[in-house]
Amino acid sequence: MPSGSADPPASGDSCRLGALRKGQRAVVTGLDEAAVVTPLPPGELERRMIEMGLIEGARVEILHEGFPGADPLAVRIDDHTLALRRAEAHAVLVTLA
């Protein structure tokens, strides 16, 4: 875990995907792109997240954190894996499994 990072959320907590650490699992509860600064037009980040399978009820697990800065993330979403910037992962609301 990188030094200076906050403690990861505990089981049962609601948080953002970008706050999770390697090995943590959660279930997607929603999307909130208002919490993310992006050069994309309004609604575009949410559309892309949905296309990647980040829909309500999807099971996610953080498989890997990049170095340095624990960014990007390798995230398993149900039965597939993708790389996601931690900043964009903050648009995904989850509840820890």
PDB file of N, CA and C in Angstrom:
ATOM      1  N   MET A   1       0.842  -1.165   0.000  1.00  0.00           N
ATOM      2  CA  MET A   1       0.000   0.000   0.000  1.00  0.00           C
ATOM      3  C   MET A   1       0.890   1.232   0.000  1.00  0.00           C
ATOM      4  N   PRO A   2       0.596   2.250  -0.802  1.00  0.00           N
ATOM      5  CA  PRO A   2       1.427   3.431  -0.830  1.00  0.00           C
ATOM      6  C   PRO A   2       1.365   4.169   0.494  1.00  0.00           C
ATOM      7  N   SER A   3       2.476   4.773   0.874  1.00  0.00           N
ATOM      8  CA  SER A   3       2.496   5.516   2.117  1.00  0.00           C
ATOM      9  C   SER A   3       1.663   6.774   1.982  1.00  0.00           C
ATOM     10  N   GLY A   4       1.089   7.198   3.097  1.00  0.00           N
ATOM     11  CA  GLY A   4       0.328   8.425   3.116  1.00  0.00           C
ATOM     12  C   GLY A   4      -1.111   8.258   2.646  1.00  0.00           C
ATOM     13  N   SER A   5      -1.536   7.045   2.281  1.00  0.00           N
ATOM     14  CA  SER A   5      -2.903   6.853   1.829  1.00  0.00           C
ATOM     15  C   SER A   5      -3.818   6.670   3.028  1.00  0.00           C
ATOM     16  N   ALA A   6      -5.096   6.958   2.833  1.00  0.00           N
ATOM     17  CA  ALA A   6      -6.078   6.771   3.887  1.00  0.00           C
ATOM     18  C   ALA A   6      -6.350   5.292   4.064  1.00  0.00           C
ATOM     19  N   ASP A   7      -6.919   4.940   5.217  1.00  0.00           N
ATOM     20  CA  ASP A   7      -7.290   3.552   5.444  1.00  0.00           C
ATOM     21  C   ASP A   7      -8.364   3.157   4.445  1.00  0.00           C
ATOM     22  N   PRO A   8      -8.312   1.921   3.938  1.00  0.00           N
ATOM     23  CA  PRO A   8      -9.362   1.472   3.024  1.00  0.00           C
ATOM     24  C   PRO A   8     -10.675   1.327   3.763  1.00  0.00           C
ATOM     25  N   PRO A   9     -11.801   1.447   3.064  1.00  0.00           N
ATOM     26  CA  PRO A   9     -13.108   1.282   3.694  1.00  0.00           C
ATOM     27  C   PRO A   9     -13.278  -0.126   4.244  1.00  0.00           C
ATOM     28  N   ALA A  10     -14.121  -0.266   5.257  1.00  0.00           N
ATOM     29  CA  ALA A  10     -14.389  -1.570   5.860  1.00  0.00           C
ATOM     30  C   ALA A  10     -15.563  -2.248   5.181  1.00  0.00           C
ATOM     31  N   SER A  11     -15.695  -3.550   5.395  1.00  0.00           N
ATOM     32  CA  SER A  11     -16.775  -4.335   4.797  1.00  0.00           C
ATOM     33  C   SER A  11     -18.138  -3.762   5.162  1.00  0.00           C
ATOM     34  N   GLY A  12     -19.042  -3.710   4.185  1.00  0.00           N
ATOM     35  CA  GLY A  12     -20.389  -3.196   4.390  1.00  0.00           C
ATOM     36  C   GLY A  12     -20.518  -1.707   4.176  1.00  0.00           C
ATOM     37  N   ASP A  13     -19.397  -1.002   4.087  1.00  0.00           N
ATOM     38  CA  ASP A  13     -19.423   0.441   3.882  1.00  0.00           C
ATOM     39  C   ASP A  13     -19.745   0.779   2.429  1.00  0.00           C
ATOM     40  N   SER A  14     -20.391   1.924   2.240  1.00  0.00           N
ATOM     41  CA  SER A  14     -20.580   2.480   0.908  1.00  0.00           C
ATOM     42  C   SER A  14     -19.452   3.464   0.652  1.00  0.00           C
ATOM     43  N   CYS A  15     -18.903   3.413  -0.530  1.00  0.00           N
ATOM     44  CA  CYS A  15     -17.803   4.301  -0.867  1.00  0.00           C
ATOM     45  C   CYS A  15     -17.687   4.379  -2.386  1.00  0.00           C
ATOM     46  N   ARG A  16     -16.569   4.889  -2.853  1.00  0.00           N
ATOM     47  CA  ARG A  16     -16.313   4.980  -4.286  1.00  0.00           C
ATOM     48  C   ARG A  16     -15.276   3.932  -4.682  1.00  0.00           C
ATOM     49  N   LEU A  17     -15.390   3.413  -5.870  1.00  0.00           N
ATOM     50  CA  LEU A  17     -14.469   2.381  -6.351  1.00  0.00           C
ATOM     51  C   LEU A  17     -13.022   2.850  -6.243  1.00  0.00           C
ATOM     52  N   GLY A  18     -12.779   4.125  -6.492  1.00  0.00           N
ATOM     53  CA  GLY A  18     -11.424   4.668  -6.436  1.00  0.00           C
ATOM     54  C   GLY A  18     -10.817   4.667  -5.044  1.00  0.00           C
ATOM     55  N   ALA A  19     -11.624   4.444  -4.008  1.00  0.00           N
ATOM     56  CA  ALA A  19     -11.113   4.409  -2.631  1.00  0.00           C
ATOM     57  C   ALA A  19     -10.677   3.008  -2.217  1.00  0.00           C
ATOM     58  N   LEU A  20     -10.980   2.011  -3.042  1.00  0.00           N
ATOM     59  CA  LEU A  20     -10.656   0.630  -2.677  1.00  0.00           C
ATOM     60  C   LEU A  20      -9.181   0.338  -2.912  1.00  0.00           C
ATOM     61  N   ARG A  21      -8.704  -0.682  -2.219  1.00  0.00           N
ATOM     62  CA  ARG A  21      -7.315  -1.137  -2.326  1.00  0.00           C
ATOM     63  C   ARG A  21      -7.289  -2.548  -2.904  1.00  0.00           C
ATOM     64  N   LYS A  22      -6.105  -2.946  -3.307  1.00  0.00           N
ATOM     65  CA  LYS A  22      -5.906  -4.269  -3.913  1.00  0.00           C
ATOM     66  C   LYS A  22      -6.530  -5.366  -3.051  1.00  0.00           C
ATOM     67  N   GLY A  23      -7.304  -6.222  -3.699  1.00  0.00           N
ATOM     68  CA  GLY A  23      -7.921  -7.348  -3.027  1.00  0.00           C
ATOM     69  C   GLY A  23      -9.323  -7.088  -2.509  1.00  0.00           C
ATOM     70  N   GLN A  24      -9.729  -5.840  -2.428  1.00  0.00           N
ATOM     71  CA  GLN A  24     -11.070  -5.547  -1.924  1.00  0.00           C
ATOM     72  C   GLN A  24     -12.123  -5.828  -2.991  1.00  0.00           C
ATOM     73  N   ARG A  25     -13.264  -6.304  -2.544  1.00  0.00           N
ATOM     74  CA  ARG A  25     -14.385  -6.628  -3.423  1.00  0.00           C
ATOM     75  C   ARG A  25     -15.586  -5.791  -3.031  1.00  0.00           C
ATOM     76  N   ALA A  26     -16.411  -5.483  -4.035  1.00  0.00           N
ATOM     77  CA  ALA A  26     -17.584  -4.652  -3.779  1.00  0.00           C
ATOM     78  C   ALA A  26     -18.631  -4.913  -4.848  1.00  0.00           C
ATOM     79  N   VAL A  27     -19.783  -4.303  -4.655  1.00  0.00           N
ATOM     80  CA  VAL A  27     -20.880  -4.379  -5.616  1.00  0.00           C
ATOM     81  C   VAL A  27     -21.222  -2.953  -6.036  1.00  0.00           C
ATOM     82  N   VAL A  28     -21.360  -2.728  -7.335  1.00  0.00           N
ATOM     83  CA  VAL A  28     -21.675  -1.396  -7.851  1.00  0.00           C
ATOM     84  C   VAL A  28     -23.108  -1.029  -7.468  1.00  0.00           C
ATOM     85  N   THR A  29     -23.266   0.180  -6.918  1.00  0.00           N
ATOM     86  CA  THR A  29     -24.595   0.660  -6.537  1.00  0.00           C
ATOM     87  C   THR A  29     -25.048   1.847  -7.371  1.00  0.00           C
ATOM     88  N   GLY A  30     -24.133   2.453  -8.122  1.00  0.00           N
ATOM     89  CA  GLY A  30     -24.520   3.591  -8.952  1.00  0.00           C
ATOM     90  C   GLY A  30     -23.323   4.305  -9.535  1.00  0.00           C
ATOM     91  N   LEU A  31     -23.599   5.331 -10.308  1.00  0.00           N
ATOM     92  CA  LEU A  31     -22.565   6.160 -10.920  1.00  0.00           C
ATOM     93  C   LEU A  31     -22.834   7.619 -10.572  1.00  0.00           C
ATOM     94  N   ASP A  32     -21.765   8.389 -10.380  1.00  0.00           N
ATOM     95  CA  ASP A  32     -21.889   9.813 -10.058  1.00  0.00           C
ATOM     96  C   ASP A  32     -20.715  10.547 -10.684  1.00  0.00           C
ATOM     97  N   GLU A  33     -20.854  10.893 -11.946  1.00  0.00           N
ATOM     98  CA  GLU A  33     -19.735  11.542 -12.621  1.00  0.00           C
ATOM     99  C   GLU A  33     -19.548  12.989 -12.167  1.00  0.00           C
ATOM    100  N   ALA A  34     -20.486  13.539 -11.403  1.00  0.00           N
ATOM    101  CA  ALA A  34     -20.341  14.903 -10.890  1.00  0.00           C
ATOM    102  C   ALA A  34     -19.159  15.011  -9.928  1.00  0.00           C
ATOM    103  N   ALA A  35     -18.728  13.896  -9.347  1.00  0.00           N
ATOM    104  CA  ALA A  35     -17.627  13.899  -8.391  1.00  0.00           C
ATOM    105  C   ALA A  35     -16.263  13.848  -9.079  1.00  0.00           C
ATOM    106  N   VAL A  36     -16.254  13.797 -10.411  1.00  0.00           N
ATOM    107  CA  VAL A  36     -15.012  13.618 -11.154  1.00  0.00           C
ATOM    108  C   VAL A  36     -14.797  14.792 -12.102  1.00  0.00           C
ATOM    109  N   VAL A  37     -13.577  15.304 -12.124  1.00  0.00           N
ATOM    110  CA  VAL A  37     -13.220  16.339 -13.089  1.00  0.00           C
ATOM    111  C   VAL A  37     -12.758  15.628 -14.360  1.00  0.00           C
ATOM    112  N   THR A  38     -13.443  15.875 -15.453  1.00  0.00           N
ATOM    113  CA  THR A  38     -13.125  15.206 -16.707  1.00  0.00           C
ATOM    114  C   THR A  38     -13.296  16.178 -17.873  1.00  0.00           C
ATOM    115  N   PRO A  39     -12.461  16.028 -18.897  1.00  0.00           N
ATOM    116  CA  PRO A  39     -12.638  16.882 -20.078  1.00  0.00           C
ATOM    117  C   PRO A  39     -13.772  16.397 -20.981  1.00  0.00           C
ATOM    118  N   LEU A  40     -14.381  15.284 -20.638  1.00  0.00           N
ATOM    119  CA  LEU A  40     -15.450  14.708 -21.461  1.00  0.00           C
ATOM    120  C   LEU A  40     -16.733  15.524 -21.321  1.00  0.00           C
ATOM    121  N   PRO A  41     -17.566  15.536 -22.354  1.00  0.00           N
ATOM    122  CA  PRO A  41     -18.868  16.214 -22.253  1.00  0.00           C
ATOM    123  C   PRO A  41     -19.729  15.553 -21.174  1.00  0.00           C
ATOM    124  N   PRO A  42     -20.670  16.293 -20.585  1.00  0.00           N
ATOM    125  CA  PRO A  42     -21.544  15.713 -19.549  1.00  0.00           C
ATOM    126  C   PRO A  42     -22.230  14.444 -20.048  1.00  0.00           C
ATOM    127  N   GLY A  43     -22.213  13.420 -19.224  1.00  0.00           N
ATOM    128  CA  GLY A  43     -22.858  12.159 -19.542  1.00  0.00           C
ATOM    129  C   GLY A  43     -21.964  11.156 -20.254  1.00  0.00           C
ATOM    130  N   GLU A  44     -20.857  11.632 -20.841  1.00  0.00           N
ATOM    131  CA  GLU A  44     -19.991  10.739 -21.614  1.00  0.00           C
ATOM    132  C   GLU A  44     -19.249   9.740 -20.727  1.00  0.00           C
ATOM    133  N   LEU A  45     -18.729  10.195 -19.585  1.00  0.00           N
ATOM    134  CA  LEU A  45     -18.018   9.274 -18.682  1.00  0.00           C
ATOM    135  C   LEU A  45     -18.976   8.198 -18.179  1.00  0.00           C
ATOM    136  N   GLU A  46     -20.178   8.598 -17.797  1.00  0.00           N
ATOM    137  CA  GLU A  46     -21.166   7.631 -17.332  1.00  0.00           C
ATOM    138  C   GLU A  46     -21.498   6.623 -18.435  1.00  0.00           C
ATOM    139  N   ARG A  47     -21.653   7.098 -19.672  1.00  0.00           N
ATOM    140  CA  ARG A  47     -21.950   6.201 -20.792  1.00  0.00           C
ATOM    141  C   ARG A  47     -20.821   5.180 -20.967  1.00  0.00           C
ATOM    142  N   ARG A  48     -19.578   5.654 -20.881  1.00  0.00           N
ATOM    143  CA  ARG A  48     -18.435   4.751 -21.045  1.00  0.00           C
ATOM    144  C   ARG A  48     -18.361   3.726 -19.921  1.00  0.00           C
ATOM    145  N   MET A  49     -18.647   4.169 -18.685  1.00  0.00           N
ATOM    146  CA  MET A  49     -18.628   3.243 -17.545  1.00  0.00           C
ATOM    147  C   MET A  49     -19.675   2.143 -17.741  1.00  0.00           C
ATOM    148  N   ILE A  50     -20.847   2.516 -18.200  1.00  0.00           N
ATOM    149  CA  ILE A  50     -21.902   1.530 -18.439  1.00  0.00           C
ATOM    150  C   ILE A  50     -21.467   0.554 -19.527  1.00  0.00           C
ATOM    151  N   GLU A  51     -20.843   1.056 -20.591  1.00  0.00           N
ATOM    152  CA  GLU A  51     -20.371   0.177 -21.666  1.00  0.00           C
ATOM    153  C   GLU A  51     -19.309  -0.808 -21.174  1.00  0.00           C
ATOM    154  N   MET A  52     -18.536  -0.395 -20.148  1.00  0.00           N
ATOM    155  CA  MET A  52     -17.499  -1.273 -19.602  1.00  0.00           C
ATOM    156  C   MET A  52     -18.062  -2.273 -18.604  1.00  0.00           C
ATOM    157  N   GLY A  53     -19.356  -2.218 -18.341  1.00  0.00           N
ATOM    158  CA  GLY A  53     -19.985  -3.178 -17.443  1.00  0.00           C
ATOM    159  C   GLY A  53     -20.168  -2.693 -16.024  1.00  0.00           C
ATOM    160  N   LEU A  54     -19.852  -1.431 -15.761  1.00  0.00           N
ATOM    161  CA  LEU A  54     -20.010  -0.898 -14.410  1.00  0.00           C
ATOM    162  C   LEU A  54     -21.461  -0.469 -14.209  1.00  0.00           C
ATOM    163  N   ILE A  55     -22.316  -1.459 -14.088  1.00  0.00           N
ATOM    164  CA  ILE A  55     -23.740  -1.226 -13.900  1.00  0.00           C
ATOM    165  C   ILE A  55     -24.147  -1.686 -12.509  1.00  0.00           C
ATOM    166  N   GLU A  56     -25.284  -1.205 -12.049  1.00  0.00           N
ATOM    167  CA  GLU A  56     -25.765  -1.542 -10.716  1.00  0.00           C
ATOM    168  C   GLU A  56     -25.847  -3.059 -10.557  1.00  0.00           C
ATOM    169  N   GLY A  57     -25.264  -3.561  -9.484  1.00  0.00           N
ATOM    170  CA  GLY A  57     -25.276  -4.992  -9.196  1.00  0.00           C
ATOM    171  C   GLY A  57     -24.037  -5.727  -9.681  1.00  0.00           C
ATOM    172  N   ALA A  58     -23.195  -5.086 -10.495  1.00  0.00           N
ATOM    173  CA  ALA A  58     -21.972  -5.739 -10.971  1.00  0.00           C
ATOM    174  C   ALA A  58     -21.011  -5.954  -9.798  1.00  0.00           C
ATOM    175  N   ARG A  59     -20.382  -7.111  -9.778  1.00  0.00           N
ATOM    176  CA  ARG A  59     -19.395  -7.419  -8.736  1.00  0.00           C
ATOM    177  C   ARG A  59     -18.020  -6.961  -9.219  1.00  0.00           C
ATOM    178  N   VAL A  60     -17.290  -6.245  -8.383  1.00  0.00           N
ATOM    179  CA  VAL A  60     -15.977  -5.737  -8.768  1.00  0.00           C
ATOM    180  C   VAL A  60     -14.934  -6.155  -7.732  1.00  0.00           C
ATOM    181  N   GLU A  61     -13.689  -6.296  -8.198  1.00  0.00           N
ATOM    182  CA  GLU A  61     -12.564  -6.594  -7.316  1.00  0.00           C
ATOM    183  C   GLU A  61     -11.341  -5.863  -7.840  1.00  0.00           C
ATOM    184  N   ILE A  62     -10.599  -5.216  -6.959  1.00  0.00           N
ATOM    185  CA  ILE A  62      -9.360  -4.554  -7.351  1.00  0.00           C
ATOM    186  C   ILE A  62      -8.270  -5.625  -7.426  1.00  0.00           C
ATOM    187  N   LEU A  63      -7.749  -5.867  -8.628  1.00  0.00           N
ATOM    188  CA  LEU A  63      -6.735  -6.902  -8.828  1.00  0.00           C
ATOM    189  C   LEU A  63      -5.319  -6.368  -8.704  1.00  0.00           C
ATOM    190  N   HIS A  64      -5.111  -5.122  -9.097  1.00  0.00           N
ATOM    191  CA  HIS A  64      -3.753  -4.577  -9.123  1.00  0.00           C
ATOM    192  C   HIS A  64      -3.817  -3.062  -9.069  1.00  0.00           C
ATOM    193  N   GLU A  65      -2.809  -2.476  -8.408  1.00  0.00           N
ATOM    194  CA  GLU A  65      -2.661  -1.026  -8.383  1.00  0.00           C
ATOM    195  C   GLU A  65      -1.335  -0.699  -9.045  1.00  0.00           C
ATOM    196  N   GLY A  66      -1.336   0.235  -9.977  1.00  0.00           N
ATOM    197  CA  GLY A  66      -0.129   0.609 -10.689  1.00  0.00           C
ATOM    198  C   GLY A  66       0.892   1.274  -9.778  1.00  0.00           C
ATOM    199  N   PHE A  67       2.096   1.441 -10.315  1.00  0.00           N
ATOM    200  CA  PHE A  67       3.167   2.083  -9.565  1.00  0.00           C
ATOM    201  C   PHE A  67       3.764   3.180 -10.425  1.00  0.00           C
ATOM    202  N   PRO A  68       4.033   4.337  -9.909  1.00  0.00           N
ATOM    203  CA  PRO A  68       3.793   4.806  -8.544  1.00  0.00           C
ATOM    204  C   PRO A  68       2.393   5.399  -8.413  1.00  0.00           C
ATOM    205  N   GLY A  69       1.996   5.659  -7.212  1.00  0.00           N
ATOM    206  CA  GLY A  69       0.740   6.344  -6.962  1.00  0.00           C
ATOM    207  C   GLY A  69      -0.489   5.469  -6.986  1.00  0.00           C
ATOM    208  N   ALA A  70      -0.314   4.134  -7.063  1.00  0.00           N
ATOM    209  CA  ALA A  70      -1.443   3.196  -7.062  1.00  0.00           C
ATOM    210  C   ALA A  70      -2.439   3.504  -8.168  1.00  0.00           C
ATOM    211  N   ASP A  71      -1.930   3.919  -9.326  1.00  0.00           N
ATOM    212  CA  ASP A  71      -2.770   4.309 -10.444  1.00  0.00           C
ATOM    213  C   ASP A  71      -2.086   3.899 -11.738  1.00  0.00           C
ATOM    214  N   PRO A  72      -2.749   3.276 -12.683  1.00  0.00           N
ATOM    215  CA  PRO A  72      -4.174   2.942 -12.741  1.00  0.00           C
ATOM    216  C   PRO A  72      -4.496   1.690 -11.936  1.00  0.00           C
ATOM    217  N   LEU A  73      -5.777   1.321 -11.953  1.00  0.00           N
ATOM    218  CA  LEU A  73      -6.261   0.134 -11.269  1.00  0.00           C
ATOM    219  C   LEU A  73      -6.586  -0.941 -12.295  1.00  0.00           C
ATOM    220  N   ALA A  74      -6.317  -2.195 -11.954  1.00  0.00           N
ATOM    221  CA  ALA A  74      -6.843  -3.320 -12.727  1.00  0.00           C
ATOM    222  C   ALA A  74      -8.052  -3.805 -11.948  1.00  0.00           C
ATOM    223  N   VAL A  75      -9.209  -3.761 -12.593  1.00  0.00           N
ATOM    224  CA  VAL A  75     -10.470  -4.074 -11.914  1.00  0.00           C
ATOM    225  C   VAL A  75     -11.153  -5.238 -12.618  1.00  0.00           C
ATOM    226  N   ARG A  76     -11.488  -6.274 -11.844  1.00  0.00           N
ATOM    227  CA  ARG A  76     -12.316  -7.352 -12.393  1.00  0.00           C
ATOM    228  C   ARG A  76     -13.765  -6.930 -12.211  1.00  0.00           C
ATOM    229  N   ILE A  77     -14.504  -6.959 -13.312  1.00  0.00           N
ATOM    230  CA  ILE A  77     -15.925  -6.622 -13.291  1.00  0.00           C
ATOM    231  C   ILE A  77     -16.660  -7.864 -13.761  1.00  0.00           C
ATOM    232  N   ASP A  78     -17.342  -8.527 -12.817  1.00  0.00           N
ATOM    233  CA  ASP A  78     -17.998  -9.804 -13.073  1.00  0.00           C
ATOM    234  C   ASP A  78     -17.006 -10.770 -13.706  1.00  0.00           C
ATOM    235  N   ASP A  79     -17.034 -10.980 -15.032  1.00  0.00           N
ATOM    236  CA  ASP A  79     -16.160 -11.985 -15.636  1.00  0.00           C
ATOM    237  C   ASP A  79     -15.110 -11.406 -16.575  1.00  0.00           C
ATOM    238  N   HIS A  80     -14.893 -10.098 -16.536  1.00  0.00           N
ATOM    239  CA  HIS A  80     -13.839  -9.509 -17.362  1.00  0.00           C
ATOM    240  C   HIS A  80     -13.014  -8.515 -16.554  1.00  0.00           C
ATOM    241  N   THR A  81     -11.844  -8.148 -17.083  1.00  0.00           N
ATOM    242  CA  THR A  81     -10.919  -7.272 -16.383  1.00  0.00           C
ATOM    243  C   THR A  81     -10.594  -6.077 -17.257  1.00  0.00           C
ATOM    244  N   LEU A  82     -10.469  -4.896 -16.628  1.00  0.00           N
ATOM    245  CA  LEU A  82     -10.079  -3.701 -17.369  1.00  0.00           C
ATOM    246  C   LEU A  82      -9.205  -2.809 -16.507  1.00  0.00           C
ATOM    247  N   ALA A  83      -8.491  -1.901 -17.170  1.00  0.00           N
ATOM    248  CA  ALA A  83      -7.680  -0.905 -16.475  1.00  0.00           C
ATOM    249  C   ALA A  83      -8.489   0.379 -16.419  1.00  0.00           C
ATOM    250  N   LEU A  84      -8.421   1.050 -15.278  1.00  0.00           N
ATOM    251  CA  LEU A  84      -9.217   2.241 -15.044  1.00  0.00           C
ATOM    252  C   LEU A  84      -8.399   3.225 -14.219  1.00  0.00           C
ATOM    253  N   ARG A  85      -8.391   4.489 -14.632  1.00  0.00           N
ATOM    254  CA  ARG A  85      -7.722   5.509 -13.821  1.00  0.00           C
ATOM    255  C   ARG A  85      -8.458   5.632 -12.488  1.00  0.00           C
ATOM    256  N   ARG A  86      -7.668   5.803 -11.412  1.00  0.00           N
ATOM    257  CA  ARG A  86      -8.289   5.917 -10.086  1.00  0.00           C
ATOM    258  C   ARG A  86      -9.233   7.113 -10.048  1.00  0.00           C
ATOM    259  N   ALA A  87      -8.867   8.214 -10.690  1.00  0.00           N
ATOM    260  CA  ALA A  87      -9.723   9.404 -10.685  1.00  0.00           C
ATOM    261  C   ALA A  87     -11.084   9.098 -11.305  1.00  0.00           C
ATOM    262  N   GLU A  88     -11.102   8.347 -12.388  1.00  0.00           N
ATOM    263  CA  GLU A  88     -12.377   7.990 -13.022  1.00  0.00           C
ATOM    264  C   GLU A  88     -13.129   6.952 -12.190  1.00  0.00           C
ATOM    265  N   ALA A  89     -12.391   6.109 -11.479  1.00  0.00           N
ATOM    266  CA  ALA A  89     -13.038   5.108 -10.617  1.00  0.00           C
ATOM    267  C   ALA A  89     -13.825   5.773  -9.491  1.00  0.00           C
ATOM    268  N   HIS A  90     -13.492   7.020  -9.176  1.00  0.00           N
ATOM    269  CA  HIS A  90     -14.241   7.731  -8.137  1.00  0.00           C
ATOM    270  C   HIS A  90     -15.672   8.037  -8.579  1.00  0.00           C
ATOM    271  N   ALA A  91     -15.980   7.887  -9.850  1.00  0.00           N
ATOM    272  CA  ALA A  91     -17.353   8.105 -10.333  1.00  0.00           C
ATOM    273  C   ALA A  91     -18.247   6.902 -10.072  1.00  0.00           C
ATOM    274  N   VAL A  92     -17.662   5.796  -9.613  1.00  0.00           N
ATOM    275  CA  VAL A  92     -18.423   4.562  -9.402  1.00  0.00           C
ATOM    276  C   VAL A  92     -18.703   4.391  -7.913  1.00  0.00           C
ATOM    277  N   LEU A  93     -19.977   4.331  -7.555  1.00  0.00           N
ATOM    278  CA  LEU A  93     -20.386   4.133  -6.160  1.00  0.00           C
ATOM    279  C   LEU A  93     -20.515   2.634  -5.906  1.00  0.00           C
ATOM    280  N   VAL A  94     -19.965   2.174  -4.777  1.00  0.00           N
ATOM    281  CA  VAL A  94     -19.981   0.743  -4.462  1.00  0.00           C
ATOM    282  C   VAL A  94     -20.303   0.519  -2.986  1.00  0.00           C
ATOM    283  N   THR A  95     -20.720  -0.697  -2.687  1.00  0.00           N
ATOM    284  CA  THR A  95     -20.850  -1.172  -1.313  1.00  0.00           C
ATOM    285  C   THR A  95     -19.925  -2.366  -1.183  1.00  0.00           C
ATOM    286  N   LEU A  96     -19.095  -2.352  -0.147  1.00  0.00           N
ATOM    287  CA  LEU A  96     -18.129  -3.434   0.022  1.00  0.00           C
ATOM    288  C   LEU A  96     -18.826  -4.756   0.281  1.00  0.00           C
ATOM    289  N   ALA A  97     -18.304  -5.810  -0.339  1.00  0.00           N
ATOM    290  CA  ALA A  97     -18.879  -7.163  -0.186  1.00  0.00           C
ATOM    291  C   ALA A  97     -18.361  -7.795   1.087  1.00  0.00           C
TER     292      ALA A  97
END
